[in-house]
Amino acid sequence: MSVDILRGVTVVFMIIVNNPGDWSKIWPPLEHAAWNGCTPADLVFPFFLFLMGCVIPFAFDRRLKEGARRGQVMAHIAWRGLALVGLKLLLSLYPFFHFSHLRFFGVLTRIALCYVTVAGLYVCSRRTGFLLSVMGGCLLGYWGMLYAIPVPGLGWPGHDFAFLDPEKNLAAWLDREFSGWCQAWLHTGVLYEKTWDPEGFLSTIPAVATTLSGVMAGQIFRRRDIPAARRPWLFMCAGMCSTLLGVLWGTVFPLNKSLWTSSFVLFTSGIALCSLSLCDYAFDVREIQKSNVVARYGTEFFRIFGMNAVFAFLFSGAVAKTLLALPSPSGGSVSLQGWLYQAVRAGCPSTAFTSFLFSGAFLMVVFAPLYVLSRKNILIKL
């Protein structure tokens, strides 16, 4: 229950962050950090990866214990990864299907790569020590690559250019090389920031570590020798230690979501563990959702989003792109999204509050089909 609800909270916050009425009028907590640093909005993606990792032990432990062939399990993992990438490409092309503007990187691409990598590792070995060593190797190795490997044509980080410069770093160089190859051979493959991509190849390495941190939390859920009442305290202690380590490492390797720095992994995974601790205590141990009507319906609202999280992401993205593509009923150059935002404002000036109100209205539009799916007990899985 706690994993479903926390995932639902994450999806709800993601939809609010991604769909303001006015991008120039946003409350600071709903904005991403410009470069170094971490805001509440920057927690959405790492939380999603962390929670994806949490359910991996639930998904594979029983199948592996029952003697499922590893080859079949790996084939299923690969299929799910390919399906996620296919859906990402379809959503990127929608609604105009301009192939020359196709972006291969993105949220779903990173989710697919992390899922295939981490699930594959878990099928190979479920030992916590092995998974922890892989996580440590990802974090230390990524730090070493960005800090000690010279960038072709640019020189040494921290000597010839500033360490973690947005365009002059190894991750950005690899993004440009990949984009150049795609443009030469496929005549497509753009980058989100033109010269680099926040979901590029190299920064997927520490994102794998984020997912692995969730796997180890999921393993604690699966352990029968740990009393349920003790589990939230384990999560909280581990989360506080991880957050503190992230802050300390951030003094030399700054928190940075765009580069998904190793300190960012420890910091966000720590906050995710603390949040999971609170949810576990509230919903799995105390079961407050059974205490009164308000708690039950509030819990159910977030659980509905958490049950079909990928569908919520895809549907919200498709609706947002449709609103921006369709013209206003009143004509002119305003999109349907702009016209609806004006209706929400009801003549009031555009402010951070009215922009947030539009996000809330958009959230309820996404909630409608999710509620129908929940009522019919339909879980959309890849």
Protein backbone atom coordinates (compact mmCIF):
# COMPACT_ATOMS: atom_id res chain seq x y z
CA MET A 1 0.00 0.00 0.00
CA SER A 2 2.75 2.46 0.92
CA VAL A 3 4.56 1.97 -2.40
CA ASP A 4 1.37 2.47 -4.43
CA ILE A 5 0.42 5.60 -2.51
CA LEU A 6 3.88 7.18 -2.65
CA ARG A 7 4.03 6.43 -6.38
CA GLY A 8 0.62 8.07 -6.72
CA VAL A 9 1.81 11.18 -4.85
CA THR A 10 4.83 11.29 -7.17
CA VAL A 11 2.67 11.05 -10.30
CA VAL A 12 0.27 13.73 -9.02
CA PHE A 13 3.16 16.09 -8.28
CA MET A 14 4.69 15.30 -11.70
CA ILE A 15 1.46 16.27 -13.50
CA ILE A 16 1.20 19.51 -11.51
CA VAL A 17 4.85 20.40 -12.21
CA ASN A 18 4.63 19.59 -15.94
CA ASN A 19 1.36 21.37 -16.69
CA PRO A 20 1.19 24.92 -15.32
CA GLY A 21 -1.15 27.42 -16.91
CA ASP A 22 1.68 29.90 -17.45
CA TRP A 23 5.32 28.79 -17.54
CA SER A 24 6.46 32.29 -16.57
CA LYS A 25 4.30 32.26 -13.42
CA ILE A 26 5.32 29.29 -11.27
CA TRP A 27 5.91 28.97 -7.55
CA PRO A 28 9.60 28.25 -6.81
CA PRO A 29 8.99 24.74 -5.36
CA LEU A 30 7.37 23.75 -8.67
CA GLU A 31 10.35 24.89 -10.75
CA HIS A 32 13.42 22.79 -11.51
CA ALA A 33 16.82 24.04 -10.44
CA ALA A 34 18.47 26.01 -13.24
CA TRP A 35 21.66 23.93 -12.90
CA ASN A 36 23.25 22.97 -9.57
CA GLY A 37 20.92 22.49 -6.63
CA CYS A 38 17.72 20.58 -5.94
CA THR A 39 14.12 21.77 -5.66
CA PRO A 40 11.02 19.71 -4.76
CA ALA A 41 10.25 19.46 -8.49
CA ASP A 42 13.63 17.77 -9.02
CA LEU A 43 12.54 14.91 -6.74
CA VAL A 44 9.83 13.63 -9.09
CA PHE A 45 11.95 11.65 -11.54
CA PRO A 46 14.32 10.06 -8.97
CA PHE A 47 11.30 9.10 -6.84
CA PHE A 48 9.75 7.41 -9.89
CA LEU A 49 12.93 5.40 -10.53
CA PHE A 50 13.31 4.56 -6.84
CA LEU A 51 9.73 3.26 -6.63
CA MET A 52 10.16 1.30 -9.86
CA GLY A 53 13.10 -0.40 -8.17
CA CYS A 54 10.97 -1.10 -5.08
CA VAL A 55 8.57 -3.34 -7.00
CA ILE A 56 11.26 -5.36 -8.82
CA PRO A 57 11.72 -7.82 -5.91
CA PHE A 58 7.93 -8.27 -5.73
CA ALA A 59 7.82 -8.91 -9.49
CA PHE A 60 10.65 -11.46 -9.71
CA ASP A 61 11.26 -13.17 -6.35
CA ARG A 62 8.36 -15.58 -6.59
CA ARG A 63 8.92 -16.37 -10.26
CA LEU A 64 12.58 -17.14 -9.67
CA LYS A 65 11.85 -19.27 -6.59
CA GLU A 66 9.25 -21.23 -8.54
CA GLY A 67 11.93 -22.15 -11.06
CA ALA A 68 11.18 -19.78 -13.92
CA ARG A 69 13.83 -20.01 -16.62
CA ARG A 70 16.12 -17.02 -16.58
CA GLY A 71 16.11 -16.80 -20.36
CA GLN A 72 12.34 -16.39 -20.42
CA VAL A 73 12.42 -13.81 -17.64
CA MET A 74 15.16 -11.83 -19.41
CA ALA A 75 13.17 -11.93 -22.66
CA HIS A 76 10.16 -10.49 -20.84
CA ILE A 77 12.34 -7.75 -19.33
CA ALA A 78 13.71 -6.86 -22.77
CA TRP A 79 10.19 -6.78 -24.23
CA ARG A 80 8.98 -4.36 -21.55
CA GLY A 81 12.00 -2.13 -22.17
CA LEU A 82 11.39 -2.05 -25.92
CA ALA A 83 7.70 -1.32 -25.36
CA LEU A 84 8.56 1.65 -23.15
CA VAL A 85 10.97 3.05 -25.75
CA GLY A 86 8.36 2.54 -28.48
CA LEU A 87 5.75 4.43 -26.47
CA LYS A 88 8.25 7.22 -25.81
CA LEU A 89 8.98 7.61 -29.53
CA LEU A 90 5.28 7.59 -30.34
CA LEU A 91 4.57 10.27 -27.73
CA SER A 92 7.50 12.36 -29.01
CA LEU A 93 6.17 12.24 -32.57
CA TYR A 94 2.57 13.02 -31.57
CA PRO A 95 0.68 15.00 -32.83
CA PHE A 96 2.53 16.23 -35.95
CA PHE A 97 4.83 13.22 -36.59
CA HIS A 98 7.77 15.30 -37.79
CA PHE A 99 10.47 12.61 -37.85
CA SER A 100 13.25 15.16 -38.30
CA HIS A 101 12.43 16.52 -34.81
CA LEU A 102 12.44 13.15 -33.08
CA ARG A 103 14.24 12.98 -29.74
CA PHE A 104 15.47 9.53 -28.74
CA PHE A 105 16.36 10.47 -25.18
CA GLY A 106 13.67 11.23 -22.63
CA VAL A 107 11.98 10.17 -19.41
CA LEU A 108 10.54 6.91 -20.74
CA THR A 109 13.81 6.02 -22.48
CA ARG A 110 15.68 6.42 -19.21
CA ILE A 111 13.03 4.44 -17.34
CA ALA A 112 13.35 1.65 -19.92
CA LEU A 113 17.16 1.57 -19.73
CA CYS A 114 17.15 1.58 -15.93
CA TYR A 115 14.46 -1.09 -15.76
CA VAL A 116 16.19 -3.44 -18.21
CA THR A 117 19.58 -2.98 -16.54
CA VAL A 118 18.44 -3.30 -12.93
CA ALA A 119 15.90 -6.07 -13.50
CA GLY A 120 18.53 -7.98 -15.48
CA LEU A 121 21.03 -7.58 -12.65
CA TYR A 122 18.43 -8.74 -10.14
CA VAL A 123 17.66 -11.85 -12.15
CA CYS A 124 21.40 -12.64 -12.24
CA SER A 125 21.88 -12.12 -8.50
CA ARG A 126 19.54 -11.08 -5.72
CA ARG A 127 22.33 -10.71 -3.17
CA THR A 128 22.17 -7.34 -1.44
CA GLY A 129 25.98 -7.15 -1.28
CA PHE A 130 26.25 -7.58 -5.04
CA LEU A 131 23.59 -4.95 -5.74
CA LEU A 132 25.18 -2.54 -3.26
CA SER A 133 28.60 -2.98 -4.88
CA VAL A 134 27.13 -2.29 -8.34
CA MET A 135 25.44 0.83 -6.97
CA GLY A 136 28.70 2.03 -5.42
CA GLY A 137 30.57 1.30 -8.64
CA CYS A 138 28.07 3.36 -10.64
CA LEU A 139 28.34 6.35 -8.31
CA LEU A 140 32.13 6.34 -7.94
CA GLY A 141 32.73 5.45 -11.58
CA TYR A 142 30.51 8.26 -12.82
CA TRP A 143 32.26 10.76 -10.55
CA GLY A 144 35.62 9.60 -11.86
CA MET A 145 34.54 9.85 -15.50
CA LEU A 146 33.26 13.42 -15.18
CA TYR A 147 36.16 14.51 -12.98
CA ALA A 148 39.20 12.78 -14.47
CA ILE A 149 38.55 11.96 -18.14
CA PRO A 150 39.47 14.73 -20.62
CA VAL A 151 36.77 15.80 -23.05
CA PRO A 152 37.93 15.45 -26.69
CA GLY A 153 38.61 18.83 -28.19
CA LEU A 154 38.00 20.68 -24.92
CA GLY A 155 40.60 19.48 -22.44
CA TRP A 156 40.58 18.55 -18.77
CA PRO A 157 37.67 19.27 -16.40
CA GLY A 158 38.58 21.80 -13.74
CA HIS A 159 41.71 22.85 -15.65
CA ASP A 160 40.77 23.85 -19.19
CA PHE A 161 37.14 24.56 -18.33
CA ALA A 162 34.97 24.71 -15.21
CA PHE A 163 34.02 21.40 -13.63
CA LEU A 164 30.39 20.51 -14.52
CA ASP A 165 30.11 23.23 -17.14
CA PRO A 166 26.71 22.67 -18.84
CA GLU A 167 28.16 22.16 -22.33
CA LYS A 168 31.77 21.28 -21.56
CA ASN A 169 31.53 17.93 -19.86
CA LEU A 170 31.92 14.33 -20.95
CA ALA A 171 28.17 13.58 -20.79
CA ALA A 172 27.29 16.52 -23.05
CA TRP A 173 30.06 15.55 -25.51
CA LEU A 174 28.68 12.00 -25.77
CA ASP A 175 25.19 13.40 -26.33
CA ARG A 176 26.46 15.54 -29.21
CA GLU A 177 28.36 12.62 -30.71
CA PHE A 178 25.27 10.42 -30.57
CA SER A 179 23.09 13.16 -32.02
CA GLY A 180 25.58 13.77 -34.82
CA TRP A 181 25.63 10.08 -35.70
CA CYS A 182 21.83 9.95 -35.73
CA GLN A 183 21.61 13.05 -37.90
CA ALA A 184 24.14 11.62 -40.36
CA TRP A 185 22.58 8.16 -40.66
CA LEU A 186 18.93 8.59 -39.68
CA HIS A 187 18.41 12.31 -40.41
CA THR A 188 16.83 12.76 -37.00
CA GLY A 189 17.74 12.68 -33.31
CA VAL A 190 17.63 16.09 -31.63
CA LEU A 191 18.80 16.95 -28.13
CA TYR A 192 16.54 18.59 -25.55
CA GLU A 193 18.96 21.47 -24.90
CA LYS A 194 20.36 21.52 -28.47
CA THR A 195 23.94 20.77 -27.32
CA TRP A 196 23.22 18.32 -24.48
CA ASP A 197 20.38 16.28 -23.04
CA PRO A 198 19.31 15.92 -19.38
CA GLU A 199 18.42 12.26 -20.02
CA GLY A 200 21.52 11.37 -22.02
CA PHE A 201 23.43 8.10 -22.09
CA LEU A 202 26.20 8.72 -19.56
CA SER A 203 23.96 10.13 -16.83
CA THR A 204 21.86 6.97 -17.07
CA ILE A 205 24.66 5.20 -15.13
CA PRO A 206 23.92 6.99 -11.82
CA ALA A 207 20.18 6.74 -12.59
CA VAL A 208 20.69 2.96 -12.47
CA ALA A 209 22.05 3.48 -8.95
CA THR A 210 18.86 5.35 -8.01
CA THR A 211 16.81 2.36 -9.18
CA LEU A 212 19.05 -0.04 -7.28
CA SER A 213 18.46 1.90 -4.07
CA GLY A 214 14.76 1.21 -4.57
CA VAL A 215 15.44 -2.49 -5.15
CA MET A 216 17.15 -2.77 -1.78
CA ALA A 217 14.20 -1.06 -0.12
CA GLY A 218 11.92 -3.55 -1.85
CA GLN A 219 14.02 -6.40 -0.50
CA ILE A 220 13.40 -5.15 3.04
CA PHE A 221 9.66 -5.34 2.36
CA ARG A 222 10.12 -8.95 1.27
CA ARG A 223 12.10 -10.04 4.33
CA ARG A 224 9.93 -11.93 6.81
CA ASP A 225 12.52 -11.72 9.60
CA ILE A 226 12.02 -7.94 9.91
CA PRO A 227 8.87 -7.03 11.88
CA ALA A 228 6.57 -4.62 10.08
CA ALA A 229 6.69 -2.17 12.99
CA ARG A 230 10.50 -2.01 12.76
CA ARG A 231 10.65 -1.53 9.00
CA PRO A 232 9.80 2.22 8.90
CA TRP A 233 12.62 2.93 11.33
CA LEU A 234 15.10 1.09 9.11
CA PHE A 235 13.94 3.14 6.12
CA MET A 236 14.18 6.38 8.08
CA CYS A 237 17.70 5.69 9.41
CA ALA A 238 18.96 4.62 5.98
CA GLY A 239 17.30 7.64 4.38
CA MET A 240 18.81 10.14 6.79
CA CYS A 241 22.28 8.64 6.33
CA SER A 242 21.95 8.69 2.55
CA THR A 243 20.69 12.28 2.53
CA LEU A 244 23.58 13.40 4.76
CA LEU A 245 26.12 11.62 2.54
CA GLY A 246 24.60 13.30 -0.50
CA VAL A 247 24.91 16.73 1.10
CA LEU A 248 28.52 16.09 2.10
CA TRP A 249 29.48 14.72 -1.33
CA GLY A 250 27.70 17.69 -2.87
CA THR A 251 30.36 20.00 -1.51
CA VAL A 252 32.81 18.60 -4.10
CA PHE A 253 30.39 17.01 -6.61
CA PRO A 254 27.37 19.36 -6.59
CA LEU A 255 23.77 18.20 -6.61
CA ASN A 256 22.68 18.39 -10.23
CA LYS A 257 19.59 16.76 -11.73
CA SER A 258 20.51 17.46 -15.36
CA LEU A 259 23.77 15.52 -14.95
CA TRP A 260 22.24 13.21 -12.31
CA THR A 261 25.37 13.55 -10.21
CA SER A 262 26.28 10.89 -7.66
CA SER A 263 25.56 13.28 -4.78
CA PHE A 264 22.13 13.89 -6.32
CA VAL A 265 21.49 10.13 -6.28
CA LEU A 266 22.33 9.78 -2.57
CA PHE A 267 20.42 12.93 -1.62
CA THR A 268 17.22 12.09 -3.52
CA SER A 269 17.30 8.39 -2.63
CA GLY A 270 17.64 9.40 1.01
CA ILE A 271 14.59 11.64 0.80
CA ALA A 272 12.71 8.87 -1.02
CA LEU A 273 13.57 6.42 1.78
CA CYS A 274 12.39 8.88 4.44
CA SER A 275 9.15 9.44 2.52
CA LEU A 276 8.67 5.69 2.15
CA SER A 277 9.25 5.34 5.89
CA LEU A 278 6.43 7.75 6.66
CA CYS A 279 4.08 6.08 4.16
CA ASP A 280 4.96 2.61 5.44
CA TYR A 281 4.25 3.63 9.01
CA ALA A 282 1.01 5.40 8.13
CA PHE A 283 -0.51 3.01 5.60
CA ASP A 284 1.07 -0.42 6.21
CA VAL A 285 1.66 -0.37 9.96
CA ARG A 286 -1.00 1.97 11.36
CA GLU A 287 -3.37 1.59 8.37
CA ILE A 288 -4.80 5.08 8.82
CA GLN A 289 -6.73 4.66 5.55
CA LYS A 290 -9.18 2.55 7.57
CA SER A 291 -9.63 5.11 10.33
CA ASN A 292 -12.19 7.44 8.74
CA VAL A 293 -13.91 8.35 5.49
CA VAL A 294 -11.65 11.32 4.71
CA ALA A 295 -8.48 9.25 5.11
CA ARG A 296 -9.93 6.41 3.03
CA TYR A 297 -10.94 8.58 0.10
CA GLY A 298 -7.75 10.65 0.24
CA THR A 299 -5.67 7.51 0.21
CA GLU A 300 -7.70 6.03 -2.63
CA PHE A 301 -7.16 9.17 -4.75
CA PHE A 302 -3.38 8.75 -4.69
CA ARG A 303 -3.54 4.96 -4.95
CA ILE A 304 -5.52 5.28 -8.19
CA PHE A 305 -2.69 7.33 -9.71
CA GLY A 306 -0.09 4.92 -8.38
CA MET A 307 -1.78 1.80 -9.77
CA ASN A 308 -1.57 2.98 -13.41
CA ALA A 309 1.40 5.33 -13.18
CA VAL A 310 2.77 4.76 -16.71
CA PHE A 311 -0.67 5.23 -18.26
CA ALA A 312 -1.09 8.45 -16.24
CA PHE A 313 2.25 9.71 -17.56
CA LEU A 314 1.41 8.88 -21.19
CA PHE A 315 -2.15 10.16 -21.03
CA SER A 316 -1.16 13.44 -19.37
CA GLY A 317 1.57 13.98 -21.97
CA ALA A 318 -0.79 13.27 -24.86
CA VAL A 319 -3.50 15.59 -23.49
CA ALA A 320 -0.99 18.40 -22.89
CA LYS A 321 0.39 18.15 -26.44
CA THR A 322 -3.14 18.02 -27.87
CA LEU A 323 -4.17 21.19 -26.01
CA LEU A 324 -1.11 23.01 -27.32
CA ALA A 325 -1.68 21.80 -30.90
CA LEU A 326 -5.40 22.62 -31.20
CA PRO A 327 -6.43 26.22 -31.94
CA SER A 328 -8.56 28.32 -29.64
CA PRO A 329 -12.34 28.27 -30.35
CA SER A 330 -12.21 32.07 -30.44
CA GLY A 331 -9.60 32.07 -33.19
CA GLY A 332 -6.32 33.93 -33.26
CA SER A 333 -2.89 32.58 -32.43
CA VAL A 334 -3.82 31.35 -28.96
CA SER A 335 -3.83 27.58 -28.48
CA LEU A 336 -6.66 25.66 -26.85
CA GLN A 337 -4.48 25.40 -23.74
CA GLY A 338 -4.12 29.19 -23.61
CA TRP A 339 -7.86 29.65 -24.12
CA LEU A 340 -8.66 27.21 -21.30
CA TYR A 341 -6.18 28.95 -19.04
CA GLN A 342 -7.92 32.26 -19.69
CA ALA A 343 -11.21 30.57 -18.76
CA VAL A 344 -9.71 29.27 -15.52
CA ARG A 345 -8.42 32.74 -14.66
CA ALA A 346 -11.90 34.22 -15.27
CA GLY A 347 -10.48 37.64 -16.12
CA CYS A 348 -7.95 37.72 -13.29
CA PRO A 349 -4.31 38.49 -14.08
CA SER A 350 -1.96 35.55 -14.56
CA THR A 351 -0.24 34.72 -11.28
CA ALA A 352 1.49 31.73 -9.75
CA PHE A 353 -1.81 30.89 -8.04
CA THR A 354 -3.89 30.92 -11.25
CA SER A 355 -1.17 28.91 -12.98
CA PHE A 356 -1.40 26.36 -10.17
CA LEU A 357 -5.21 26.29 -10.45
CA PHE A 358 -4.88 25.29 -14.09
CA SER A 359 -2.53 22.47 -13.04
CA GLY A 360 -5.14 21.28 -10.58
CA ALA A 361 -7.88 21.33 -13.22
CA PHE A 362 -5.61 19.44 -15.62
CA LEU A 363 -4.93 16.88 -12.89
CA MET A 364 -8.64 16.14 -12.53
CA VAL A 365 -8.93 15.61 -16.30
CA VAL A 366 -6.22 12.94 -16.04
CA PHE A 367 -7.88 11.47 -12.96
CA ALA A 368 -11.17 10.74 -14.79
CA PRO A 369 -9.99 7.78 -16.95
CA LEU A 370 -7.80 6.49 -14.11
CA TYR A 371 -10.85 6.38 -11.86
CA VAL A 372 -12.76 4.39 -14.48
CA LEU A 373 -9.87 1.92 -14.77
CA SER A 374 -9.76 1.58 -10.99
CA ARG A 375 -13.49 0.93 -10.73
CA LYS A 376 -13.18 -1.83 -13.31
CA ASN A 377 -10.02 -3.24 -11.63
CA ILE A 378 -8.01 -2.73 -14.82
CA LEU A 379 -4.23 -2.44 -14.49
CA ILE A 380 -2.50 -1.44 -17.71
CA LYS A 381 0.81 -3.28 -17.82
CA LEU A 382 3.37 -3.52 -20.59
